[in-house]
Amino acid sequence: EPGDPNCRIYVKNLAKQVQEKDLKF
């Protein structure tokens, strides 16, 4: 379910190698 629209998003199922710079990219 996408959820109720707002300006903040939630991301899950990220690999352990993921860093903040990857998400910023």
PDBML (XML) file of the C-alpha atoms, coordinates in Angstrom:
<?xml version="1.0" encoding="UTF-8" ?>
<PDBx:datablock datablockName="MODEL"
   xmlns:PDBx="http://pdbml.pdb.org/schema/pdbx-v50.xsd"
   xmlns:xsi="http://www.w3.org/2001/XMLSchema-instance"
   xsi:schemaLocation="http://pdbml.pdb.org/schema/pdbx-v50.xsd pdbx-v50.xsd">
   <PDBx:atom_siteCategory>
      <PDBx:atom_site id="1">
         <PDBx:B_iso_or_equiv>0.00</PDBx:B_iso_or_equiv>
         <PDBx:Cartn_x>0.000</PDBx:Cartn_x>
         <PDBx:Cartn_y>0.000</PDBx:Cartn_y>
         <PDBx:Cartn_z>0.000</PDBx:Cartn_z>
         <PDBx:auth_asym_id>A</PDBx:auth_asym_id>
         <PDBx:auth_atom_id>CA</PDBx:auth_atom_id>
         <PDBx:auth_comp_id>GLU</PDBx:auth_comp_id>
         <PDBx:auth_seq_id>1</PDBx:auth_seq_id>
         <PDBx:group_PDB>ATOM</PDBx:group_PDB>
         <PDBx:label_alt_id xsi:nil="true" />
         <PDBx:label_asym_id>A</PDBx:label_asym_id>
         <PDBx:label_atom_id>CA</PDBx:label_atom_id>
         <PDBx:label_comp_id>GLU</PDBx:label_comp_id>
         <PDBx:label_entity_id>1</PDBx:label_entity_id>
         <PDBx:label_seq_id>1</PDBx:label_seq_id>
         <PDBx:occupancy>1.00</PDBx:occupancy>
         <PDBx:pdbx_PDB_model_num>1</PDBx:pdbx_PDB_model_num>
         <PDBx:type_symbol>C</PDBx:type_symbol>
      </PDBx:atom_site>
      <PDBx:atom_site id="2">
         <PDBx:B_iso_or_equiv>0.00</PDBx:B_iso_or_equiv>
         <PDBx:Cartn_x>1.535</PDBx:Cartn_x>
         <PDBx:Cartn_y>3.351</PDBx:Cartn_y>
         <PDBx:Cartn_z>-0.918</PDBx:Cartn_z>
         <PDBx:auth_asym_id>A</PDBx:auth_asym_id>
         <PDBx:auth_atom_id>CA</PDBx:auth_atom_id>
         <PDBx:auth_comp_id>PRO</PDBx:auth_comp_id>
         <PDBx:auth_seq_id>2</PDBx:auth_seq_id>
         <PDBx:group_PDB>ATOM</PDBx:group_PDB>
         <PDBx:label_alt_id xsi:nil="true" />
         <PDBx:label_asym_id>A</PDBx:label_asym_id>
         <PDBx:label_atom_id>CA</PDBx:label_atom_id>
         <PDBx:label_comp_id>PRO</PDBx:label_comp_id>
         <PDBx:label_entity_id>1</PDBx:label_entity_id>
         <PDBx:label_seq_id>2</PDBx:label_seq_id>
         <PDBx:occupancy>1.00</PDBx:occupancy>
         <PDBx:pdbx_PDB_model_num>1</PDBx:pdbx_PDB_model_num>
         <PDBx:type_symbol>C</PDBx:type_symbol>
      </PDBx:atom_site>
      <PDBx:atom_site id="3">
         <PDBx:B_iso_or_equiv>0.00</PDBx:B_iso_or_equiv>
         <PDBx:Cartn_x>-0.012</PDBx:Cartn_x>
         <PDBx:Cartn_y>5.011</PDBx:Cartn_y>
         <PDBx:Cartn_z>2.155</PDBx:Cartn_z>
         <PDBx:auth_asym_id>A</PDBx:auth_asym_id>
         <PDBx:auth_atom_id>CA</PDBx:auth_atom_id>
         <PDBx:auth_comp_id>GLY</PDBx:auth_comp_id>
         <PDBx:auth_seq_id>3</PDBx:auth_seq_id>
         <PDBx:group_PDB>ATOM</PDBx:group_PDB>
         <PDBx:label_alt_id xsi:nil="true" />
         <PDBx:label_asym_id>A</PDBx:label_asym_id>
         <PDBx:label_atom_id>CA</PDBx:label_atom_id>
         <PDBx:label_comp_id>GLY</PDBx:label_comp_id>
         <PDBx:label_entity_id>1</PDBx:label_entity_id>
         <PDBx:label_seq_id>3</PDBx:label_seq_id>
         <PDBx:occupancy>1.00</PDBx:occupancy>
         <PDBx:pdbx_PDB_model_num>1</PDBx:pdbx_PDB_model_num>
         <PDBx:type_symbol>C</PDBx:type_symbol>
      </PDBx:atom_site>
      <PDBx:atom_site id="4">
         <PDBx:B_iso_or_equiv>0.00</PDBx:B_iso_or_equiv>
         <PDBx:Cartn_x>-1.326</PDBx:Cartn_x>
         <PDBx:Cartn_y>8.536</PDBx:Cartn_y>
         <PDBx:Cartn_z>2.657</PDBx:Cartn_z>
         <PDBx:auth_asym_id>A</PDBx:auth_asym_id>
         <PDBx:auth_atom_id>CA</PDBx:auth_atom_id>
         <PDBx:auth_comp_id>ASP</PDBx:auth_comp_id>
         <PDBx:auth_seq_id>4</PDBx:auth_seq_id>
         <PDBx:group_PDB>ATOM</PDBx:group_PDB>
         <PDBx:label_alt_id xsi:nil="true" />
         <PDBx:label_asym_id>A</PDBx:label_asym_id>
         <PDBx:label_atom_id>CA</PDBx:label_atom_id>
         <PDBx:label_comp_id>ASP</PDBx:label_comp_id>
         <PDBx:label_entity_id>1</PDBx:label_entity_id>
         <PDBx:label_seq_id>4</PDBx:label_seq_id>
         <PDBx:occupancy>1.00</PDBx:occupancy>
         <PDBx:pdbx_PDB_model_num>1</PDBx:pdbx_PDB_model_num>
         <PDBx:type_symbol>C</PDBx:type_symbol>
      </PDBx:atom_site>
      <PDBx:atom_site id="5">
         <PDBx:B_iso_or_equiv>0.00</PDBx:B_iso_or_equiv>
         <PDBx:Cartn_x>0.488</PDBx:Cartn_x>
         <PDBx:Cartn_y>11.162</PDBx:Cartn_y>
         <PDBx:Cartn_z>0.572</PDBx:Cartn_z>
         <PDBx:auth_asym_id>A</PDBx:auth_asym_id>
         <PDBx:auth_atom_id>CA</PDBx:auth_atom_id>
         <PDBx:auth_comp_id>PRO</PDBx:auth_comp_id>
         <PDBx:auth_seq_id>5</PDBx:auth_seq_id>
         <PDBx:group_PDB>ATOM</PDBx:group_PDB>
         <PDBx:label_alt_id xsi:nil="true" />
         <PDBx:label_asym_id>A</PDBx:label_asym_id>
         <PDBx:label_atom_id>CA</PDBx:label_atom_id>
         <PDBx:label_comp_id>PRO</PDBx:label_comp_id>
         <PDBx:label_entity_id>1</PDBx:label_entity_id>
         <PDBx:label_seq_id>5</PDBx:label_seq_id>
         <PDBx:occupancy>1.00</PDBx:occupancy>
         <PDBx:pdbx_PDB_model_num>1</PDBx:pdbx_PDB_model_num>
         <PDBx:type_symbol>C</PDBx:type_symbol>
      </PDBx:atom_site>
      <PDBx:atom_site id="6">
         <PDBx:B_iso_or_equiv>0.00</PDBx:B_iso_or_equiv>
         <PDBx:Cartn_x>2.853</PDBx:Cartn_x>
         <PDBx:Cartn_y>13.439</PDBx:Cartn_y>
         <PDBx:Cartn_z>2.474</PDBx:Cartn_z>
         <PDBx:auth_asym_id>A</PDBx:auth_asym_id>
         <PDBx:auth_atom_id>CA</PDBx:auth_atom_id>
         <PDBx:auth_comp_id>ASN</PDBx:auth_comp_id>
         <PDBx:auth_seq_id>6</PDBx:auth_seq_id>
         <PDBx:group_PDB>ATOM</PDBx:group_PDB>
         <PDBx:label_alt_id xsi:nil="true" />
         <PDBx:label_asym_id>A</PDBx:label_asym_id>
         <PDBx:label_atom_id>CA</PDBx:label_atom_id>
         <PDBx:label_comp_id>ASN</PDBx:label_comp_id>
         <PDBx:label_entity_id>1</PDBx:label_entity_id>
         <PDBx:label_seq_id>6</PDBx:label_seq_id>
         <PDBx:occupancy>1.00</PDBx:occupancy>
         <PDBx:pdbx_PDB_model_num>1</PDBx:pdbx_PDB_model_num>
         <PDBx:type_symbol>C</PDBx:type_symbol>
      </PDBx:atom_site>
      <PDBx:atom_site id="7">
         <PDBx:B_iso_or_equiv>0.00</PDBx:B_iso_or_equiv>
         <PDBx:Cartn_x>6.316</PDBx:Cartn_x>
         <PDBx:Cartn_y>14.885</PDBx:Cartn_y>
         <PDBx:Cartn_z>1.947</PDBx:Cartn_z>
         <PDBx:auth_asym_id>A</PDBx:auth_asym_id>
         <PDBx:auth_atom_id>CA</PDBx:auth_atom_id>
         <PDBx:auth_comp_id>CYS</PDBx:auth_comp_id>
         <PDBx:auth_seq_id>7</PDBx:auth_seq_id>
         <PDBx:group_PDB>ATOM</PDBx:group_PDB>
         <PDBx:label_alt_id xsi:nil="true" />
         <PDBx:label_asym_id>A</PDBx:label_asym_id>
         <PDBx:label_atom_id>CA</PDBx:label_atom_id>
         <PDBx:label_comp_id>CYS</PDBx:label_comp_id>
         <PDBx:label_entity_id>1</PDBx:label_entity_id>
         <PDBx:label_seq_id>7</PDBx:label_seq_id>
         <PDBx:occupancy>1.00</PDBx:occupancy>
         <PDBx:pdbx_PDB_model_num>1</PDBx:pdbx_PDB_model_num>
         <PDBx:type_symbol>C</PDBx:type_symbol>
      </PDBx:atom_site>
      <PDBx:atom_site id="8">
         <PDBx:B_iso_or_equiv>0.00</PDBx:B_iso_or_equiv>
         <PDBx:Cartn_x>8.148</PDBx:Cartn_x>
         <PDBx:Cartn_y>12.061</PDBx:Cartn_y>
         <PDBx:Cartn_z>3.711</PDBx:Cartn_z>
         <PDBx:auth_asym_id>A</PDBx:auth_asym_id>
         <PDBx:auth_atom_id>CA</PDBx:auth_atom_id>
         <PDBx:auth_comp_id>ARG</PDBx:auth_comp_id>
         <PDBx:auth_seq_id>8</PDBx:auth_seq_id>
         <PDBx:group_PDB>ATOM</PDBx:group_PDB>
         <PDBx:label_alt_id xsi:nil="true" />
         <PDBx:label_asym_id>A</PDBx:label_asym_id>
         <PDBx:label_atom_id>CA</PDBx:label_atom_id>
         <PDBx:label_comp_id>ARG</PDBx:label_comp_id>
         <PDBx:label_entity_id>1</PDBx:label_entity_id>
         <PDBx:label_seq_id>8</PDBx:label_seq_id>
         <PDBx:occupancy>1.00</PDBx:occupancy>
         <PDBx:pdbx_PDB_model_num>1</PDBx:pdbx_PDB_model_num>
         <PDBx:type_symbol>C</PDBx:type_symbol>
      </PDBx:atom_site>
      <PDBx:atom_site id="9">
         <PDBx:B_iso_or_equiv>0.00</PDBx:B_iso_or_equiv>
         <PDBx:Cartn_x>8.755</PDBx:Cartn_x>
         <PDBx:Cartn_y>8.624</PDBx:Cartn_y>
         <PDBx:Cartn_z>2.233</PDBx:Cartn_z>
         <PDBx:auth_asym_id>A</PDBx:auth_asym_id>
         <PDBx:auth_atom_id>CA</PDBx:auth_atom_id>
         <PDBx:auth_comp_id>ILE</PDBx:auth_comp_id>
         <PDBx:auth_seq_id>9</PDBx:auth_seq_id>
         <PDBx:group_PDB>ATOM</PDBx:group_PDB>
         <PDBx:label_alt_id xsi:nil="true" />
         <PDBx:label_asym_id>A</PDBx:label_asym_id>
         <PDBx:label_atom_id>CA</PDBx:label_atom_id>
         <PDBx:label_comp_id>ILE</PDBx:label_comp_id>
         <PDBx:label_entity_id>1</PDBx:label_entity_id>
         <PDBx:label_seq_id>9</PDBx:label_seq_id>
         <PDBx:occupancy>1.00</PDBx:occupancy>
         <PDBx:pdbx_PDB_model_num>1</PDBx:pdbx_PDB_model_num>
         <PDBx:type_symbol>C</PDBx:type_symbol>
      </PDBx:atom_site>
      <PDBx:atom_site id="10">
         <PDBx:B_iso_or_equiv>0.00</PDBx:B_iso_or_equiv>
         <PDBx:Cartn_x>9.681</PDBx:Cartn_x>
         <PDBx:Cartn_y>5.309</PDBx:Cartn_y>
         <PDBx:Cartn_z>3.788</PDBx:Cartn_z>
         <PDBx:auth_asym_id>A</PDBx:auth_asym_id>
         <PDBx:auth_atom_id>CA</PDBx:auth_atom_id>
         <PDBx:auth_comp_id>TYR</PDBx:auth_comp_id>
         <PDBx:auth_seq_id>10</PDBx:auth_seq_id>
         <PDBx:group_PDB>ATOM</PDBx:group_PDB>
         <PDBx:label_alt_id xsi:nil="true" />
         <PDBx:label_asym_id>A</PDBx:label_asym_id>
         <PDBx:label_atom_id>CA</PDBx:label_atom_id>
         <PDBx:label_comp_id>TYR</PDBx:label_comp_id>
         <PDBx:label_entity_id>1</PDBx:label_entity_id>
         <PDBx:label_seq_id>10</PDBx:label_seq_id>
         <PDBx:occupancy>1.00</PDBx:occupancy>
         <PDBx:pdbx_PDB_model_num>1</PDBx:pdbx_PDB_model_num>
         <PDBx:type_symbol>C</PDBx:type_symbol>
      </PDBx:atom_site>
      <PDBx:atom_site id="11">
         <PDBx:B_iso_or_equiv>0.00</PDBx:B_iso_or_equiv>
         <PDBx:Cartn_x>12.011</PDBx:Cartn_x>
         <PDBx:Cartn_y>2.913</PDBx:Cartn_y>
         <PDBx:Cartn_z>1.987</PDBx:Cartn_z>
         <PDBx:auth_asym_id>A</PDBx:auth_asym_id>
         <PDBx:auth_atom_id>CA</PDBx:auth_atom_id>
         <PDBx:auth_comp_id>VAL</PDBx:auth_comp_id>
         <PDBx:auth_seq_id>11</PDBx:auth_seq_id>
         <PDBx:group_PDB>ATOM</PDBx:group_PDB>
         <PDBx:label_alt_id xsi:nil="true" />
         <PDBx:label_asym_id>A</PDBx:label_asym_id>
         <PDBx:label_atom_id>CA</PDBx:label_atom_id>
         <PDBx:label_comp_id>VAL</PDBx:label_comp_id>
         <PDBx:label_entity_id>1</PDBx:label_entity_id>
         <PDBx:label_seq_id>11</PDBx:label_seq_id>
         <PDBx:occupancy>1.00</PDBx:occupancy>
         <PDBx:pdbx_PDB_model_num>1</PDBx:pdbx_PDB_model_num>
         <PDBx:type_symbol>C</PDBx:type_symbol>
      </PDBx:atom_site>
      <PDBx:atom_site id="12">
         <PDBx:B_iso_or_equiv>0.00</PDBx:B_iso_or_equiv>
         <PDBx:Cartn_x>12.578</PDBx:Cartn_x>
         <PDBx:Cartn_y>-0.720</PDBx:Cartn_y>
         <PDBx:Cartn_z>2.997</PDBx:Cartn_z>
         <PDBx:auth_asym_id>A</PDBx:auth_asym_id>
         <PDBx:auth_atom_id>CA</PDBx:auth_atom_id>
         <PDBx:auth_comp_id>LYS</PDBx:auth_comp_id>
         <PDBx:auth_seq_id>12</PDBx:auth_seq_id>
         <PDBx:group_PDB>ATOM</PDBx:group_PDB>
         <PDBx:label_alt_id xsi:nil="true" />
         <PDBx:label_asym_id>A</PDBx:label_asym_id>
         <PDBx:label_atom_id>CA</PDBx:label_atom_id>
         <PDBx:label_comp_id>LYS</PDBx:label_comp_id>
         <PDBx:label_entity_id>1</PDBx:label_entity_id>
         <PDBx:label_seq_id>12</PDBx:label_seq_id>
         <PDBx:occupancy>1.00</PDBx:occupancy>
         <PDBx:pdbx_PDB_model_num>1</PDBx:pdbx_PDB_model_num>
         <PDBx:type_symbol>C</PDBx:type_symbol>
      </PDBx:atom_site>
      <PDBx:atom_site id="13">
         <PDBx:B_iso_or_equiv>0.00</PDBx:B_iso_or_equiv>
         <PDBx:Cartn_x>14.233</PDBx:Cartn_x>
         <PDBx:Cartn_y>-3.893</PDBx:Cartn_y>
         <PDBx:Cartn_z>1.685</PDBx:Cartn_z>
         <PDBx:auth_asym_id>A</PDBx:auth_asym_id>
         <PDBx:auth_atom_id>CA</PDBx:auth_atom_id>
         <PDBx:auth_comp_id>ASN</PDBx:auth_comp_id>
         <PDBx:auth_seq_id>13</PDBx:auth_seq_id>
         <PDBx:group_PDB>ATOM</PDBx:group_PDB>
         <PDBx:label_alt_id xsi:nil="true" />
         <PDBx:label_asym_id>A</PDBx:label_asym_id>
         <PDBx:label_atom_id>CA</PDBx:label_atom_id>
         <PDBx:label_comp_id>ASN</PDBx:label_comp_id>
         <PDBx:label_entity_id>1</PDBx:label_entity_id>
         <PDBx:label_seq_id>13</PDBx:label_seq_id>
         <PDBx:occupancy>1.00</PDBx:occupancy>
         <PDBx:pdbx_PDB_model_num>1</PDBx:pdbx_PDB_model_num>
         <PDBx:type_symbol>C</PDBx:type_symbol>
      </PDBx:atom_site>
      <PDBx:atom_site id="14">
         <PDBx:B_iso_or_equiv>0.00</PDBx:B_iso_or_equiv>
         <PDBx:Cartn_x>17.560</PDBx:Cartn_x>
         <PDBx:Cartn_y>-2.089</PDBx:Cartn_y>
         <PDBx:Cartn_z>1.341</PDBx:Cartn_z>
         <PDBx:auth_asym_id>A</PDBx:auth_asym_id>
         <PDBx:auth_atom_id>CA</PDBx:auth_atom_id>
         <PDBx:auth_comp_id>LEU</PDBx:auth_comp_id>
         <PDBx:auth_seq_id>14</PDBx:auth_seq_id>
         <PDBx:group_PDB>ATOM</PDBx:group_PDB>
         <PDBx:label_alt_id xsi:nil="true" />
         <PDBx:label_asym_id>A</PDBx:label_asym_id>
         <PDBx:label_atom_id>CA</PDBx:label_atom_id>
         <PDBx:label_comp_id>LEU</PDBx:label_comp_id>
         <PDBx:label_entity_id>1</PDBx:label_entity_id>
         <PDBx:label_seq_id>14</PDBx:label_seq_id>
         <PDBx:occupancy>1.00</PDBx:occupancy>
         <PDBx:pdbx_PDB_model_num>1</PDBx:pdbx_PDB_model_num>
         <PDBx:type_symbol>C</PDBx:type_symbol>
      </PDBx:atom_site>
      <PDBx:atom_site id="15">
         <PDBx:B_iso_or_equiv>0.00</PDBx:B_iso_or_equiv>
         <PDBx:Cartn_x>20.732</PDBx:Cartn_x>
         <PDBx:Cartn_y>-4.138</PDBx:Cartn_y>
         <PDBx:Cartn_z>0.920</PDBx:Cartn_z>
         <PDBx:auth_asym_id>A</PDBx:auth_asym_id>
         <PDBx:auth_atom_id>CA</PDBx:auth_atom_id>
         <PDBx:auth_comp_id>ALA</PDBx:auth_comp_id>
         <PDBx:auth_seq_id>15</PDBx:auth_seq_id>
         <PDBx:group_PDB>ATOM</PDBx:group_PDB>
         <PDBx:label_alt_id xsi:nil="true" />
         <PDBx:label_asym_id>A</PDBx:label_asym_id>
         <PDBx:label_atom_id>CA</PDBx:label_atom_id>
         <PDBx:label_comp_id>ALA</PDBx:label_comp_id>
         <PDBx:label_entity_id>1</PDBx:label_entity_id>
         <PDBx:label_seq_id>15</PDBx:label_seq_id>
         <PDBx:occupancy>1.00</PDBx:occupancy>
         <PDBx:pdbx_PDB_model_num>1</PDBx:pdbx_PDB_model_num>
         <PDBx:type_symbol>C</PDBx:type_symbol>
      </PDBx:atom_site>
      <PDBx:atom_site id="16">
         <PDBx:B_iso_or_equiv>0.00</PDBx:B_iso_or_equiv>
         <PDBx:Cartn_x>23.300</PDBx:Cartn_x>
         <PDBx:Cartn_y>-3.898</PDBx:Cartn_y>
         <PDBx:Cartn_z>3.693</PDBx:Cartn_z>
         <PDBx:auth_asym_id>A</PDBx:auth_asym_id>
         <PDBx:auth_atom_id>CA</PDBx:auth_atom_id>
         <PDBx:auth_comp_id>LYS</PDBx:auth_comp_id>
         <PDBx:auth_seq_id>16</PDBx:auth_seq_id>
         <PDBx:group_PDB>ATOM</PDBx:group_PDB>
         <PDBx:label_alt_id xsi:nil="true" />
         <PDBx:label_asym_id>A</PDBx:label_asym_id>
         <PDBx:label_atom_id>CA</PDBx:label_atom_id>
         <PDBx:label_comp_id>LYS</PDBx:label_comp_id>
         <PDBx:label_entity_id>1</PDBx:label_entity_id>
         <PDBx:label_seq_id>16</PDBx:label_seq_id>
         <PDBx:occupancy>1.00</PDBx:occupancy>
         <PDBx:pdbx_PDB_model_num>1</PDBx:pdbx_PDB_model_num>
         <PDBx:type_symbol>C</PDBx:type_symbol>
      </PDBx:atom_site>
      <PDBx:atom_site id="17">
         <PDBx:B_iso_or_equiv>0.00</PDBx:B_iso_or_equiv>
         <PDBx:Cartn_x>25.791</PDBx:Cartn_x>
         <PDBx:Cartn_y>-2.216</PDBx:Cartn_y>
         <PDBx:Cartn_z>1.312</PDBx:Cartn_z>
         <PDBx:auth_asym_id>A</PDBx:auth_asym_id>
         <PDBx:auth_atom_id>CA</PDBx:auth_atom_id>
         <PDBx:auth_comp_id>GLN</PDBx:auth_comp_id>
         <PDBx:auth_seq_id>17</PDBx:auth_seq_id>
         <PDBx:group_PDB>ATOM</PDBx:group_PDB>
         <PDBx:label_alt_id xsi:nil="true" />
         <PDBx:label_asym_id>A</PDBx:label_asym_id>
         <PDBx:label_atom_id>CA</PDBx:label_atom_id>
         <PDBx:label_comp_id>GLN</PDBx:label_comp_id>
         <PDBx:label_entity_id>1</PDBx:label_entity_id>
         <PDBx:label_seq_id>17</PDBx:label_seq_id>
         <PDBx:occupancy>1.00</PDBx:occupancy>
         <PDBx:pdbx_PDB_model_num>1</PDBx:pdbx_PDB_model_num>
         <PDBx:type_symbol>C</PDBx:type_symbol>
      </PDBx:atom_site>
      <PDBx:atom_site id="18">
         <PDBx:B_iso_or_equiv>0.00</PDBx:B_iso_or_equiv>
         <PDBx:Cartn_x>23.444</PDBx:Cartn_x>
         <PDBx:Cartn_y>0.762</PDBx:Cartn_y>
         <PDBx:Cartn_z>0.797</PDBx:Cartn_z>
         <PDBx:auth_asym_id>A</PDBx:auth_asym_id>
         <PDBx:auth_atom_id>CA</PDBx:auth_atom_id>
         <PDBx:auth_comp_id>VAL</PDBx:auth_comp_id>
         <PDBx:auth_seq_id>18</PDBx:auth_seq_id>
         <PDBx:group_PDB>ATOM</PDBx:group_PDB>
         <PDBx:label_alt_id xsi:nil="true" />
         <PDBx:label_asym_id>A</PDBx:label_asym_id>
         <PDBx:label_atom_id>CA</PDBx:label_atom_id>
         <PDBx:label_comp_id>VAL</PDBx:label_comp_id>
         <PDBx:label_entity_id>1</PDBx:label_entity_id>
         <PDBx:label_seq_id>18</PDBx:label_seq_id>
         <PDBx:occupancy>1.00</PDBx:occupancy>
         <PDBx:pdbx_PDB_model_num>1</PDBx:pdbx_PDB_model_num>
         <PDBx:type_symbol>C</PDBx:type_symbol>
      </PDBx:atom_site>
      <PDBx:atom_site id="19">
         <PDBx:B_iso_or_equiv>0.00</PDBx:B_iso_or_equiv>
         <PDBx:Cartn_x>24.779</PDBx:Cartn_x>
         <PDBx:Cartn_y>4.065</PDBx:Cartn_y>
         <PDBx:Cartn_z>2.101</PDBx:Cartn_z>
         <PDBx:auth_asym_id>A</PDBx:auth_asym_id>
         <PDBx:auth_atom_id>CA</PDBx:auth_atom_id>
         <PDBx:auth_comp_id>GLN</PDBx:auth_comp_id>
         <PDBx:auth_seq_id>19</PDBx:auth_seq_id>
         <PDBx:group_PDB>ATOM</PDBx:group_PDB>
         <PDBx:label_alt_id xsi:nil="true" />
         <PDBx:label_asym_id>A</PDBx:label_asym_id>
         <PDBx:label_atom_id>CA</PDBx:label_atom_id>
         <PDBx:label_comp_id>GLN</PDBx:label_comp_id>
         <PDBx:label_entity_id>1</PDBx:label_entity_id>
         <PDBx:label_seq_id>19</PDBx:label_seq_id>
         <PDBx:occupancy>1.00</PDBx:occupancy>
         <PDBx:pdbx_PDB_model_num>1</PDBx:pdbx_PDB_model_num>
         <PDBx:type_symbol>C</PDBx:type_symbol>
      </PDBx:atom_site>
      <PDBx:atom_site id="20">
         <PDBx:B_iso_or_equiv>0.00</PDBx:B_iso_or_equiv>
         <PDBx:Cartn_x>23.216</PDBx:Cartn_x>
         <PDBx:Cartn_y>7.512</PDBx:Cartn_y>
         <PDBx:Cartn_z>2.416</PDBx:Cartn_z>
         <PDBx:auth_asym_id>A</PDBx:auth_asym_id>
         <PDBx:auth_atom_id>CA</PDBx:auth_atom_id>
         <PDBx:auth_comp_id>GLU</PDBx:auth_comp_id>
         <PDBx:auth_seq_id>20</PDBx:auth_seq_id>
         <PDBx:group_PDB>ATOM</PDBx:group_PDB>
         <PDBx:label_alt_id xsi:nil="true" />
         <PDBx:label_asym_id>A</PDBx:label_asym_id>
         <PDBx:label_atom_id>CA</PDBx:label_atom_id>
         <PDBx:label_comp_id>GLU</PDBx:label_comp_id>
         <PDBx:label_entity_id>1</PDBx:label_entity_id>
         <PDBx:label_seq_id>20</PDBx:label_seq_id>
         <PDBx:occupancy>1.00</PDBx:occupancy>
         <PDBx:pdbx_PDB_model_num>1</PDBx:pdbx_PDB_model_num>
         <PDBx:type_symbol>C</PDBx:type_symbol>
      </PDBx:atom_site>
      <PDBx:atom_site id="21">
         <PDBx:B_iso_or_equiv>0.00</PDBx:B_iso_or_equiv>
         <PDBx:Cartn_x>25.066</PDBx:Cartn_x>
         <PDBx:Cartn_y>8.678</PDBx:Cartn_y>
         <PDBx:Cartn_z>-0.699</PDBx:Cartn_z>
         <PDBx:auth_asym_id>A</PDBx:auth_asym_id>
         <PDBx:auth_atom_id>CA</PDBx:auth_atom_id>
         <PDBx:auth_comp_id>LYS</PDBx:auth_comp_id>
         <PDBx:auth_seq_id>21</PDBx:auth_seq_id>
         <PDBx:group_PDB>ATOM</PDBx:group_PDB>
         <PDBx:label_alt_id xsi:nil="true" />
         <PDBx:label_asym_id>A</PDBx:label_asym_id>
         <PDBx:label_atom_id>CA</PDBx:label_atom_id>
         <PDBx:label_comp_id>LYS</PDBx:label_comp_id>
         <PDBx:label_entity_id>1</PDBx:label_entity_id>
         <PDBx:label_seq_id>21</PDBx:label_seq_id>
         <PDBx:occupancy>1.00</PDBx:occupancy>
         <PDBx:pdbx_PDB_model_num>1</PDBx:pdbx_PDB_model_num>
         <PDBx:type_symbol>C</PDBx:type_symbol>
      </PDBx:atom_site>
      <PDBx:atom_site id="22">
         <PDBx:B_iso_or_equiv>0.00</PDBx:B_iso_or_equiv>
         <PDBx:Cartn_x>23.299</PDBx:Cartn_x>
         <PDBx:Cartn_y>5.929</PDBx:Cartn_y>
         <PDBx:Cartn_z>-2.712</PDBx:Cartn_z>
         <PDBx:auth_asym_id>A</PDBx:auth_asym_id>
         <PDBx:auth_atom_id>CA</PDBx:auth_atom_id>
         <PDBx:auth_comp_id>ASP</PDBx:auth_comp_id>
         <PDBx:auth_seq_id>22</PDBx:auth_seq_id>
         <PDBx:group_PDB>ATOM</PDBx:group_PDB>
         <PDBx:label_alt_id xsi:nil="true" />
         <PDBx:label_asym_id>A</PDBx:label_asym_id>
         <PDBx:label_atom_id>CA</PDBx:label_atom_id>
         <PDBx:label_comp_id>ASP</PDBx:label_comp_id>
         <PDBx:label_entity_id>1</PDBx:label_entity_id>
         <PDBx:label_seq_id>22</PDBx:label_seq_id>
         <PDBx:occupancy>1.00</PDBx:occupancy>
         <PDBx:pdbx_PDB_model_num>1</PDBx:pdbx_PDB_model_num>
         <PDBx:type_symbol>C</PDBx:type_symbol>
      </PDBx:atom_site>
      <PDBx:atom_site id="23">
         <PDBx:B_iso_or_equiv>0.00</PDBx:B_iso_or_equiv>
         <PDBx:Cartn_x>19.917</PDBx:Cartn_x>
         <PDBx:Cartn_y>7.188</PDBx:Cartn_y>
         <PDBx:Cartn_z>-1.548</PDBx:Cartn_z>
         <PDBx:auth_asym_id>A</PDBx:auth_asym_id>
         <PDBx:auth_atom_id>CA</PDBx:auth_atom_id>
         <PDBx:auth_comp_id>LEU</PDBx:auth_comp_id>
         <PDBx:auth_seq_id>23</PDBx:auth_seq_id>
         <PDBx:group_PDB>ATOM</PDBx:group_PDB>
         <PDBx:label_alt_id xsi:nil="true" />
         <PDBx:label_asym_id>A</PDBx:label_asym_id>
         <PDBx:label_atom_id>CA</PDBx:label_atom_id>
         <PDBx:label_comp_id>LEU</PDBx:label_comp_id>
         <PDBx:label_entity_id>1</PDBx:label_entity_id>
         <PDBx:label_seq_id>23</PDBx:label_seq_id>
         <PDBx:occupancy>1.00</PDBx:occupancy>
         <PDBx:pdbx_PDB_model_num>1</PDBx:pdbx_PDB_model_num>
         <PDBx:type_symbol>C</PDBx:type_symbol>
      </PDBx:atom_site>
      <PDBx:atom_site id="24">
         <PDBx:B_iso_or_equiv>0.00</PDBx:B_iso_or_equiv>
         <PDBx:Cartn_x>20.933</PDBx:Cartn_x>
         <PDBx:Cartn_y>10.785</PDBx:Cartn_y>
         <PDBx:Cartn_z>-2.227</PDBx:Cartn_z>
         <PDBx:auth_asym_id>A</PDBx:auth_asym_id>
         <PDBx:auth_atom_id>CA</PDBx:auth_atom_id>
         <PDBx:auth_comp_id>LYS</PDBx:auth_comp_id>
         <PDBx:auth_seq_id>24</PDBx:auth_seq_id>
         <PDBx:group_PDB>ATOM</PDBx:group_PDB>
         <PDBx:label_alt_id xsi:nil="true" />
         <PDBx:label_asym_id>A</PDBx:label_asym_id>
         <PDBx:label_atom_id>CA</PDBx:label_atom_id>
         <PDBx:label_comp_id>LYS</PDBx:label_comp_id>
         <PDBx:label_entity_id>1</PDBx:label_entity_id>
         <PDBx:label_seq_id>24</PDBx:label_seq_id>
         <PDBx:occupancy>1.00</PDBx:occupancy>
         <PDBx:pdbx_PDB_model_num>1</PDBx:pdbx_PDB_model_num>
         <PDBx:type_symbol>C</PDBx:type_symbol>
      </PDBx:atom_site>
      <PDBx:atom_site id="25">
         <PDBx:B_iso_or_equiv>0.00</PDBx:B_iso_or_equiv>
         <PDBx:Cartn_x>21.962</PDBx:Cartn_x>
         <PDBx:Cartn_y>9.750</PDBx:Cartn_y>
         <PDBx:Cartn_z>-5.755</PDBx:Cartn_z>
         <PDBx:auth_asym_id>A</PDBx:auth_asym_id>
         <PDBx:auth_atom_id>CA</PDBx:auth_atom_id>
         <PDBx:auth_comp_id>PHE</PDBx:auth_comp_id>
         <PDBx:auth_seq_id>25</PDBx:auth_seq_id>
         <PDBx:group_PDB>ATOM</PDBx:group_PDB>
         <PDBx:label_alt_id xsi:nil="true" />
         <PDBx:label_asym_id>A</PDBx:label_asym_id>
         <PDBx:label_atom_id>CA</PDBx:label_atom_id>
         <PDBx:label_comp_id>PHE</PDBx:label_comp_id>
         <PDBx:label_entity_id>1</PDBx:label_entity_id>
         <PDBx:label_seq_id>25</PDBx:label_seq_id>
         <PDBx:occupancy>1.00</PDBx:occupancy>
         <PDBx:pdbx_PDB_model_num>1</PDBx:pdbx_PDB_model_num>
         <PDBx:type_symbol>C</PDBx:type_symbol>
      </PDBx:atom_site>
   </PDBx:atom_siteCategory>
</PDBx:datablock>
